[in-house]
């Protein structure tokens, strides 16, 4: 019974770690770094929400 509890605990920790890794990868793929302040913003942002820097290369919305 103890082995089953250990196995379930290990499995849930593994699932949580994989979920965080996938979430982190998605956030990194959908973001860019502001050249003025260094903060991370969404890739489609036209203006940095932290320092109000205007990005010159924003693609038009689909």
Protein backbone atom coordinates (compact mmCIF):
# COMPACT_ATOMS: atom_id res chain seq x y z
CA UNK A 1 0.00 0.00 0.00
CA UNK A 2 2.89 2.37 0.78
CA UNK A 3 4.41 1.65 -2.62
CA UNK A 4 1.16 2.59 -4.33
CA UNK A 5 1.04 5.90 -2.44
CA UNK A 6 4.63 6.64 -3.40
CA UNK A 7 3.90 5.80 -7.03
CA UNK A 8 0.84 8.06 -7.13
CA UNK A 9 2.76 10.92 -5.52
CA UNK A 10 5.60 10.52 -8.01
CA UNK A 11 3.17 10.37 -10.95
CA UNK A 12 1.33 13.52 -9.88
CA UNK A 13 4.62 15.40 -9.44
CA UNK A 14 5.71 14.29 -12.90
CA UNK A 15 2.44 15.44 -14.47
CA UNK A 16 2.76 18.83 -12.74
CA UNK A 17 6.34 19.27 -13.97
CA UNK A 18 5.42 18.42 -17.55
CA UNK A 19 2.47 20.82 -17.40
CA UNK A 20 4.72 23.65 -16.25
CA UNK A 21 7.25 22.91 -18.99
CA UNK A 22 4.58 22.99 -21.68
CA UNK A 23 3.13 26.20 -20.26
CA UNK A 24 6.57 27.83 -20.15
CA UNK A 25 7.32 26.82 -23.74
CA UNK A 26 4.00 28.22 -24.95
CA UNK A 27 4.58 31.52 -23.16
CA UNK A 28 8.08 31.81 -24.62
CA UNK A 29 6.81 31.13 -28.14
CA UNK A 30 4.15 33.84 -27.82
CA UNK A 31 6.37 36.56 -26.34
CA UNK A 32 9.20 38.96 -27.12
CA UNK A 33 11.50 41.15 -25.04
CA UNK A 34 11.18 44.93 -25.10
CA UNK A 35 14.50 46.44 -26.26
CA UNK A 36 14.02 49.51 -24.09
CA UNK A 37 13.12 48.06 -20.66
CA UNK A 38 13.88 44.33 -21.06
CA UNK A 39 10.45 43.14 -19.92
CA UNK A 40 8.66 40.25 -21.65
CA UNK A 41 5.52 41.19 -23.58
CA UNK A 42 3.22 39.40 -26.00
CA UNK A 43 4.60 38.93 -29.49
CA UNK A 44 1.64 40.78 -31.05
CA UNK A 45 2.04 43.81 -28.76
CA UNK A 46 2.43 47.11 -30.60
CA UNK A 47 3.36 49.01 -27.41
CA UNK A 48 5.22 47.74 -24.32
CA UNK A 49 2.86 47.78 -21.36
CA UNK A 50 5.70 48.59 -18.97
CA UNK A 51 7.58 51.48 -20.59
CA UNK A 52 5.29 52.40 -23.53
CA UNK A 53 7.96 51.63 -26.15
CA UNK A 54 6.42 51.42 -29.64
CA UNK A 55 7.55 48.34 -31.57
CA UNK A 56 8.30 49.18 -35.23
CA UNK A 57 7.82 45.66 -36.62
CA UNK A 58 4.36 44.64 -35.43
CA UNK A 59 2.58 42.43 -37.98
CA UNK A 60 -1.02 43.39 -38.81
CA UNK A 61 -3.71 41.34 -37.06
CA UNK A 62 -5.16 38.46 -39.11
